[in-house]
Protein backbone atom coordinates (compact mmCIF):
# COMPACT_ATOMS: atom_id res chain seq x y z
CA MET A 1 -6.60 -8.02 25.71
CA PRO A 2 -6.85 -4.37 23.82
CA ALA A 3 -4.37 -1.49 24.47
CA PRO A 4 -5.11 1.25 26.66
CA PRO A 5 -6.17 4.30 24.59
CA PRO A 6 -3.90 7.38 24.34
CA SER A 7 -2.62 9.63 26.91
CA PRO A 8 -4.07 13.25 26.93
CA ALA A 9 -0.59 14.60 25.93
CA LEU A 10 -0.97 12.31 22.69
CA GLU A 11 -4.97 13.53 22.40
CA ARG A 12 -3.99 17.36 22.61
CA LEU A 13 -1.01 16.45 19.99
CA LEU A 14 -3.57 14.81 17.52
CA ALA A 15 -5.70 17.17 17.97
CA GLY A 16 -3.27 20.17 16.39
CA PRO A 17 -1.99 23.15 17.28
CA ALA A 18 -3.19 25.83 18.68
CA GLY A 19 -2.61 30.02 17.92
CA LEU A 20 -1.79 32.47 14.52
CA GLY A 21 -0.45 30.45 11.77
CA THR A 22 -2.11 27.14 12.69
CA ALA A 23 -5.18 27.03 10.86
CA ALA A 24 -3.49 24.05 7.98
CA ALA A 25 -2.07 22.29 10.82
CA ARG A 26 -6.00 21.78 12.56
CA ALA A 27 -7.31 21.47 9.19
CA PHE A 28 -7.43 17.61 8.61
CA HIS A 29 -7.89 16.64 12.58
CA SER A 30 -11.78 17.10 11.79
CA LEU A 31 -11.49 14.15 9.01
CA GLY A 32 -10.97 11.56 12.53
CA PRO A 33 -12.86 8.16 12.29
CA SER A 34 -14.81 9.34 15.30
CA GLU A 35 -16.14 12.86 13.77
CA GLU A 36 -16.24 11.16 9.93
CA SER A 37 -19.77 9.89 10.45
CA GLY A 38 -21.21 11.44 7.00
CA ARG A 39 -18.61 9.94 4.42
CA PRO A 40 -17.73 6.38 4.15
CA ALA A 41 -14.43 4.94 5.69
CA GLY A 42 -14.16 1.47 3.29
CA ARG A 43 -14.15 -0.60 6.69
CA SER A 44 -17.23 -1.35 8.64
CA THR A 45 -18.88 -0.24 12.19
CA ASP A 46 -17.39 -3.10 13.70
CA ARG A 47 -13.91 -2.87 12.89
CA ARG A 48 -13.64 0.64 13.89
CA LYS A 49 -15.05 -0.03 16.61
CA ALA A 50 -11.89 -2.85 17.09
CA THR A 51 -9.34 0.09 16.25
CA ASP A 52 -10.87 3.26 18.01
CA ALA A 53 -8.37 2.88 20.80
CA GLY A 54 -5.48 2.44 18.79
CA THR A 55 -5.77 -0.94 18.78
CA ASP A 56 -5.44 -3.15 15.92
CA ALA A 57 -5.97 -7.58 15.36
CA GLY A 58 -5.74 -10.11 12.71
CA THR A 59 -4.59 -13.27 11.52
CA GLY A 60 -1.85 -13.99 9.45
CA THR A 61 -1.77 -17.89 8.21
CA GLY A 62 1.53 -19.13 6.42
CA ALA A 63 2.47 -22.31 4.78
CA GLU A 64 1.86 -24.11 7.83
CA THR A 65 1.49 -21.81 11.00
CA ALA A 66 -1.34 -19.64 11.98
CA VAL A 67 -0.37 -16.46 13.67
CA ARG A 68 -2.15 -14.24 15.60
CA ILE A 69 -1.53 -10.17 15.39
CA PRO A 70 -1.80 -9.17 18.69
CA PRO A 71 -3.18 -5.43 19.03
CA LEU A 72 -0.73 -2.92 18.89
CA TYR A 73 0.02 0.61 20.24
CA CYS A 74 -0.99 3.07 16.99
CA PRO A 75 -3.02 5.53 16.37
CA ASP A 76 -6.17 5.14 13.41
CA ALA A 77 -6.38 6.55 10.10
CA LEU A 78 -7.35 10.13 10.21
CA ARG A 79 -9.28 9.62 6.97
CA ASP A 80 -9.98 6.80 4.16
CA ASP A 81 -10.70 8.48 0.80
CA THR A 82 -11.32 5.40 -1.28
CA ALA A 83 -11.62 7.17 -5.19
CA LEU A 84 -8.48 9.11 -3.96
CA GLY A 85 -6.33 6.19 -2.77
CA GLU A 86 -7.63 4.40 -5.77
CA GLU A 87 -6.38 7.64 -8.28
CA VAL A 88 -3.07 7.34 -6.43
CA ASN A 89 -3.05 3.74 -6.99
CA ASN A 90 -3.79 3.62 -10.70
CA ARG A 91 -1.55 6.60 -11.19
CA LEU A 92 1.27 5.05 -9.65
CA VAL A 93 1.16 1.68 -11.20
CA ASP A 94 0.92 3.64 -15.34
CA TRP A 95 4.14 5.55 -13.81
CA ALA A 96 5.63 2.06 -12.79
CA GLU A 97 5.05 0.82 -16.11
CA GLU A 98 6.40 4.15 -18.23
CA ILE A 99 9.58 3.93 -16.18
CA GLY A 100 10.04 -0.14 -16.58
CA ILE A 101 9.36 -1.44 -12.64
CA PHE A 102 8.42 -4.14 -11.85
CA THR A 103 7.79 -5.39 -15.22
CA GLY A 104 5.63 -8.58 -15.53
CA ARG A 105 4.22 -8.05 -12.17
CA LEU A 106 2.32 -4.81 -12.51
CA GLU A 107 -0.93 -6.49 -11.23
CA ARG A 108 0.21 -7.44 -9.09
CA LEU A 109 1.53 -4.36 -7.94
CA ARG A 110 -2.05 -2.51 -8.30
CA THR A 111 -3.50 -5.46 -5.78
CA HIS A 112 -1.06 -4.49 -3.42
CA GLN A 113 -2.83 -0.81 -3.47
CA PHE A 114 0.74 1.39 -2.83
CA GLY A 115 -1.07 4.40 -3.82
CA ARG A 116 -3.91 3.79 -1.10
CA LEU A 117 -0.64 3.82 1.82
CA PHE A 118 0.03 7.31 0.66
CA MET A 119 -3.80 8.72 0.85
CA LEU A 120 -3.71 7.34 4.29
CA ALA A 121 0.21 8.42 5.67
CA HIS A 122 -0.89 12.26 4.69
CA PRO A 123 -4.21 12.91 5.21
CA ASP A 124 -3.43 16.99 5.55
CA CYS A 125 -3.51 16.87 1.19
CA ASP A 126 -6.24 16.05 -1.20
CA ASP A 127 -4.18 16.62 -4.07
CA PRO A 128 -3.23 13.60 -6.55
CA ASP A 129 -0.25 15.38 -7.90
CA ARG A 130 1.27 16.14 -4.15
CA LEU A 131 1.07 12.10 -3.31
CA MET A 132 2.27 11.17 -6.40
CA ALA A 133 5.74 12.78 -5.73
CA ALA A 134 5.35 11.48 -1.93
CA ALA A 135 4.21 7.81 -3.72
CA ARG A 136 7.00 7.31 -7.33
CA CYS A 137 9.49 7.68 -4.31
CA GLY A 138 8.01 5.17 -1.67
CA LEU A 139 7.87 3.16 -5.30
CA ALA A 140 11.94 3.67 -6.32
CA GLU A 141 12.36 2.59 -2.68
CA TRP A 142 11.15 -0.57 -2.46
CA SER A 143 11.75 -1.94 -6.20
CA VAL A 144 15.56 -1.84 -4.79
CA ASP A 145 14.37 -4.93 -2.82
CA ASP A 146 11.82 -6.10 -5.27
CA HIS A 147 14.64 -6.07 -8.09
CA TRP A 148 17.32 -6.68 -6.89
CA VAL A 149 17.11 -8.39 -3.70
CA ASP A 150 13.87 -10.73 -3.20
CA GLU A 151 11.91 -11.86 -5.73
CA GLY A 152 13.53 -10.00 -9.38
CA ASP A 153 14.81 -11.88 -12.70
CA ASP A 154 18.21 -9.59 -11.37
CA THR A 155 18.83 -10.68 -7.83
CA GLU A 156 22.70 -10.77 -7.99
CA PRO A 157 23.71 -10.45 -4.45
CA GLU A 158 27.34 -9.69 -5.06
CA LEU A 159 26.27 -7.40 -7.42
CA LEU A 160 24.64 -5.61 -4.71
CA GLY A 161 26.94 -3.02 -2.94
CA SER A 162 27.80 -2.10 -6.68
CA ARG A 163 24.34 -1.20 -7.66
CA LEU A 164 23.79 0.26 -4.02
CA ALA A 165 26.51 3.10 -5.00
CA MET A 166 25.56 3.30 -8.35
CA THR A 167 21.28 4.05 -7.39
CA HIS A 168 23.11 7.12 -4.86
CA ALA A 169 24.92 8.83 -8.00
CA VAL A 170 21.57 9.16 -9.33
CA VAL A 171 20.08 9.96 -5.59
CA ASP A 172 22.99 12.43 -5.30
CA PRO A 173 23.77 13.58 -8.95
CA VAL A 174 27.74 12.38 -9.73
CA ARG A 175 29.84 14.63 -11.46
CA LEU A 176 32.38 13.03 -13.75
CA PRO A 177 34.65 13.35 -16.62
CA THR A 178 32.33 14.37 -19.54
CA ARG A 179 33.31 10.91 -21.69
CA TYR A 180 33.40 9.01 -18.29
CA LEU A 181 29.71 10.74 -17.29
CA ALA A 182 28.72 9.20 -20.36
CA GLN A 183 29.41 5.94 -19.54
CA PHE A 184 27.60 6.10 -16.15
CA GLU A 185 24.30 7.50 -17.90
CA ASP A 186 24.68 4.25 -20.54
CA VAL A 187 23.99 2.12 -17.58
CA VAL A 188 21.10 4.51 -16.25
CA ARG A 189 19.29 3.86 -19.03
CA GLN A 190 19.52 0.49 -18.74
CA GLN A 191 19.04 -0.27 -14.57
CA PRO A 192 14.98 0.15 -14.62
CA VAL A 193 15.57 0.78 -10.49
CA LEU A 194 18.12 3.69 -11.46
CA ARG A 195 15.58 5.14 -13.65
CA ALA A 196 12.53 5.09 -10.99
CA PHE A 197 15.19 6.97 -8.30
CA ARG A 198 16.00 9.67 -11.89
CA SER A 199 12.45 10.10 -12.68
CA SER A 200 11.12 10.53 -8.20
CA LEU A 201 13.67 12.83 -7.29
CA ALA A 202 12.57 14.93 -10.81
CA HIS A 203 8.87 15.26 -9.98
CA LEU A 204 9.75 15.91 -6.10
CA SER A 205 11.76 18.71 -6.53
CA GLN A 206 8.58 20.26 -8.35
CA ILE A 207 7.45 20.35 -4.49
CA ALA A 208 10.25 20.26 -2.44
CA SER A 209 12.96 23.14 -0.94
CA THR A 210 15.79 22.11 -1.66
CA THR A 211 16.85 21.46 2.27
CA GLN A 212 13.87 19.33 1.72
CA MET A 213 15.34 16.99 -0.94
CA ALA A 214 18.32 16.91 0.69
CA ARG A 215 17.28 15.32 3.83
CA LEU A 216 15.65 12.98 1.62
CA ARG A 217 18.70 12.32 0.20
CA HIS A 218 20.68 11.80 3.31
CA GLU A 219 17.83 9.43 4.45
CA LEU A 220 18.30 7.28 1.69
CA ALA A 221 22.16 6.88 1.90
CA VAL A 222 21.56 5.97 5.56
CA MET A 223 18.79 3.01 4.33
CA PHE A 224 21.43 1.48 1.78
CA VAL A 225 23.72 1.44 4.63
CA GLY A 226 21.11 -1.05 5.75
CA TYR A 227 20.51 -2.84 2.38
CA GLY A 228 24.17 -3.49 2.33
CA GLN A 229 24.48 -4.59 6.44
CA GLU A 230 21.11 -7.39 4.81
CA ALA A 231 22.89 -7.61 2.20
CA GLU A 232 25.79 -9.48 4.09
CA TRP A 233 23.04 -11.54 6.34
CA ARG A 234 22.00 -13.36 3.15
CA ASN A 235 25.48 -13.86 1.69
CA SER A 236 26.72 -15.58 4.49
CA GLU A 237 23.81 -16.88 6.38
CA ARG A 238 24.79 -15.53 9.29
CA ARG A 239 21.27 -15.14 11.56
CA PRO A 240 22.24 -11.48 13.47
CA ALA A 241 21.04 -11.06 17.27
CA VAL A 242 18.16 -9.68 18.17
CA TRP A 243 20.23 -6.54 18.92
CA GLU A 244 21.89 -6.37 15.80
CA TYR A 245 18.70 -6.63 13.94
CA LEU A 246 17.24 -4.07 15.70
CA LEU A 247 19.85 -1.67 14.96
CA HIS A 248 19.49 -2.35 11.58
CA ARG A 249 15.17 -1.59 11.51
CA TYR A 250 16.79 2.27 13.24
CA GLU A 251 18.26 2.53 9.56
CA ASN A 252 16.17 0.24 7.35
CA ALA A 253 12.89 1.46 8.16
CA PHE A 254 10.03 4.07 7.19
CA TYR A 255 11.87 6.77 7.61
CA PRO A 256 12.83 7.94 4.29
CA CYS A 257 9.09 8.01 3.44
CA MET A 258 8.00 9.57 6.65
CA VAL A 259 10.73 12.13 5.34
CA LEU A 260 8.67 13.72 3.01
CA ILE A 261 5.21 14.55 5.33
CA ASP A 262 6.28 18.11 5.15
CA PRO A 263 7.10 19.28 1.55
CA VAL A 264 3.52 16.64 0.50
CA GLY A 265 1.53 18.63 3.47
CA GLY A 266 3.04 22.28 1.57
CA TYR A 267 4.78 23.40 4.71
CA GLU A 268 8.63 22.84 5.77
CA LEU A 269 10.05 22.02 9.19
CA PRO A 270 12.87 24.45 10.28
CA ALA A 271 16.46 23.70 9.59
CA HIS A 272 17.49 23.96 13.42
CA GLU A 273 13.81 21.60 14.21
CA PHE A 274 15.00 19.23 12.00
CA ALA A 275 18.51 18.84 12.91
CA ASP A 276 17.79 18.87 16.85
CA PRO A 277 18.83 15.82 18.48
CA THR A 278 16.23 15.41 20.13
CA VAL A 279 13.36 15.97 17.78
CA ARG A 280 15.53 13.44 15.25
CA ARG A 281 15.76 10.39 17.78
CA THR A 282 11.85 10.76 17.76
CA TYR A 283 11.03 10.75 14.26
CA LEU A 284 13.96 8.23 13.59
CA TYR A 285 12.30 5.97 16.66
CA ALA A 286 8.93 6.43 14.54
CA GLY A 287 9.65 5.27 11.96
CA MET A 288 12.05 1.72 13.98
CA ALA A 289 8.49 1.09 15.29
CA ASN A 290 6.59 1.09 12.18
CA VAL A 291 8.70 -1.03 10.66
CA LEU A 292 8.43 -2.91 13.58
CA LEU A 293 4.97 -3.28 12.95
CA ASN A 294 5.55 -4.15 9.22
CA ASP A 295 7.81 -6.95 9.73
CA ILE A 296 4.50 -8.55 12.12
CA TYR A 297 1.77 -7.98 9.50
CA SER A 298 4.88 -9.73 6.93
CA MET A 299 4.99 -13.17 9.13
CA ALA A 300 1.78 -14.03 6.77
CA LYS A 301 4.26 -14.16 3.10
CA GLU A 302 7.49 -14.68 5.17
CA ASP A 303 9.51 -18.23 5.11
CA PRO A 304 10.73 -19.04 8.93
CA GLY A 305 13.78 -18.61 7.78
CA ASP A 306 13.23 -15.36 6.45
CA THR A 307 15.56 -12.66 8.25
CA ASN A 308 12.66 -10.17 10.72
CA LEU A 309 12.14 -9.40 14.37
CA PRO A 310 9.51 -12.76 15.24
CA ASN A 311 11.42 -14.94 13.69
CA LEU A 312 15.05 -13.59 15.01
CA ILE A 313 12.69 -14.13 19.20
CA ALA A 314 12.14 -17.15 18.45
CA THR A 315 15.45 -18.19 17.72
CA GLU A 316 17.31 -16.14 20.27
CA ASP A 317 14.51 -16.77 22.93
CA ASN A 318 14.05 -20.36 21.88
CA CYS A 319 9.92 -19.83 22.22
CA SER A 320 7.08 -20.32 20.00
CA LEU A 321 6.25 -18.16 16.68
CA GLN A 322 3.49 -16.99 18.65
CA GLU A 323 5.37 -15.41 21.92
CA ALA A 324 8.21 -14.11 19.29
CA VAL A 325 5.21 -12.23 17.85
CA ASP A 326 4.06 -11.34 21.01
CA ARG A 327 7.14 -10.03 21.78
CA THR A 328 7.68 -7.86 18.93
CA ALA A 329 4.17 -6.13 19.72
CA ALA A 330 5.58 -5.52 22.78
CA ILE A 331 8.63 -3.89 21.64
CA HIS A 332 6.65 -1.95 18.99
CA ASP A 333 4.49 -1.13 22.23
CA GLU A 334 7.88 0.41 23.99
CA LEU A 335 8.79 2.62 20.95
CA MET A 336 5.61 3.79 20.09
CA HIS A 337 5.17 5.33 24.17
CA THR A 338 8.13 6.70 23.74
CA VAL A 339 7.55 8.22 20.40
CA GLU A 340 4.55 9.66 21.93
CA ALA A 341 6.60 11.40 25.46
CA ASP A 342 8.55 12.66 23.15
CA CYS A 343 6.17 14.08 21.36
CA ALA A 344 3.99 15.40 23.92
CA VAL A 345 7.17 17.55 24.82
CA LEU A 346 8.37 18.36 22.07
CA ALA A 347 4.89 20.09 20.75
CA ALA A 348 4.77 22.04 23.96
CA ALA A 349 7.66 23.92 23.29
CA GLY A 350 8.02 23.84 19.60
CA SER A 351 7.08 25.97 16.98
CA PRO A 352 3.72 25.58 14.93
CA GLN A 353 5.64 23.70 12.37
CA LEU A 354 7.23 21.18 14.91
CA ARG A 355 4.14 20.47 16.22
CA ARG A 356 2.26 19.94 12.96
CA TYR A 357 5.14 17.87 11.68
CA LEU A 358 4.64 16.03 14.77
CA ALA A 359 1.07 15.69 14.03
CA GLY A 360 1.71 14.45 10.79
CA LEU A 361 4.51 11.53 12.07
CA TRP A 362 1.24 10.36 14.37
CA ALA A 363 -0.77 10.29 11.03
CA TRP A 364 1.44 9.02 9.01
CA MET A 365 2.06 5.33 11.28
CA GLY A 366 -2.10 5.65 11.39
CA GLY A 367 -2.40 5.65 8.05
CA SER A 368 0.35 2.79 7.75
CA LYS A 369 -1.14 0.70 10.25
CA GLN A 370 -4.22 0.79 8.17
CA TRP A 371 -2.44 0.04 5.12
CA HIS A 372 -0.70 -3.12 6.70
CA ALA A 373 -3.98 -4.26 8.66
CA THR A 374 -6.18 -4.16 4.54
CA SER A 375 -3.72 -4.46 1.75
CA PRO A 376 -4.05 -7.60 0.34
CA ARG A 377 0.20 -7.62 -0.10
CA TYR A 378 0.06 -8.94 3.60
CA GLN A 379 -2.92 -11.32 3.23
CA THR A 380 -2.83 -15.27 2.35
CA ALA A 381 -5.18 -17.00 -0.07
CA PRO A 382 -7.52 -19.20 2.04
């Protein structure tokens, strides 16, 4: 059954703010699917009809189990510029090679199309340099998983806490006595993940204010807490309860990527609005909803024993994996409806920058959904 169309409040939000100084915030909304008939969007007409109501459906096939991805309550991508996505993706792979992350896996990295994700997620930016600023940060974050947690040749769980502490010392540059700082710098030179964080933040600082840089540093610190929690589950082989996993996904979510919405867009959300508790719980809930979408699309490539929400629900509720995926989708949709309602209230009372930021939040989730639905990273061979 398809999800209901977005509410009038959300449609008003996605239409963009009105009034003095808001033209830039409205500019990218003309690139929505229903108005883009003159330019290719990289997907078929039938696919577009299936998703225009804010839904998505598909099938993930694991080694032994086929799981149907139910319709998800989520906005659509506002633009799909294939050439721009390819340019960002190629430049991102070149940067990864230069830094030394994903060595031996660069062509697989290229097929995952992470550059396309950032093109889809930031439809108010056509500048590949600005998109690359966000893409480098995202790939640095994911390199922690791929090098130190999941797939790399250097996955030593007992070292993860120490490595995360060193990563934070790069993200929020540490100050040590000179003779000891030199020893730390030797470690940074030897660790591609640490070099990736240093390089990505240096590039980001060229377009982001000191306040925006501080916001990212804070969100990365929170994410590292989540990585530590996940490491405890792995080391102890303990399966968390569903409530504990949801808490984890509030901390280890997509928000460290989403926090860059305004610097990539070329504006700044005022500090008092960014820090407002209601605004904060809204954008963190959005990040959590989007990472649950990731959990659903990841089912095709994960093992039955992996820690994700569908697997945990299947165990805790003693239900089939398909039922667990459907229940995960229902939780995702519940979060999205809450975010939608909060955004409508905040947009009505907030500054033009807040309205633009909230519209950018929705655009980010729509772009992320489109990427998850099409990236080879989440597909399996027939």
